[in-house]
Amino acid sequence: MELLNRTDEELMVLYQNGSEAAFQILYDRHSSKIFGFISSRISNKETANEIFQDVFIKIHKSKQLYNKSLPLLPWIFTITRNAVFDYAKRGSKVETAVPIEEIDERAAMEDQNELGLDLKPSLLKLPTQQKLAVEMRYYDEKTFEEIAEALNTSPMNIRKLVSRGVKRLKEIIKEGEKS
């Protein structure tokens, strides 16, 4: 079977076994998404490039830890999210385009979208306020302040609603995978 026709997971197993060609295909498929993820959170392009390189070093160093029974992209984006978060936690050296506390939330939503999951049915299972807050935040791309104004509450309360909504969505998706 030609390498280009292989799944990400198959390519990663080949890479684990020493195939640089398999890694190159994975890089070609996903590097722009990974860089986009990083640069949407880190405003300094030089720093974004450093993090991007760091992500691929981490992928290489930890390739043997990848479990072939799991989807590859969430694993890669976990490494990416952690690299961004590590840089962001360092403080004044890094200008983040997104507040640090939002990095994990956004990544969780994007991980689900990377898996190709339709989140709409799961959203219907959230309490009304959480559902509205999550939809406005991730589908309408509104700021916490805009959502707070629309829902007649404080931006801090909206942050909590969105965070709880994302956490609950992850639980709903996991429950669905088990059944």
Foldseek 3Di string as FASTA:
>chain_A
DDLLPDALLVLLVVVVVPDPVSVVSVCVVPLVVLLVLQCLWFVDSVVSVVLSVVLVVVCNVCSVVDDSVDHDVLVSLVSSLVSSLVVVVVPPVTDTNDPSVCSVLVSLVVSCVVVVDDLVVLLVVDPPLLSQLQCCCPVVVDQLCVSCVVVVHDSVVSSVSPVVSSVSSVVSVVVVVVD
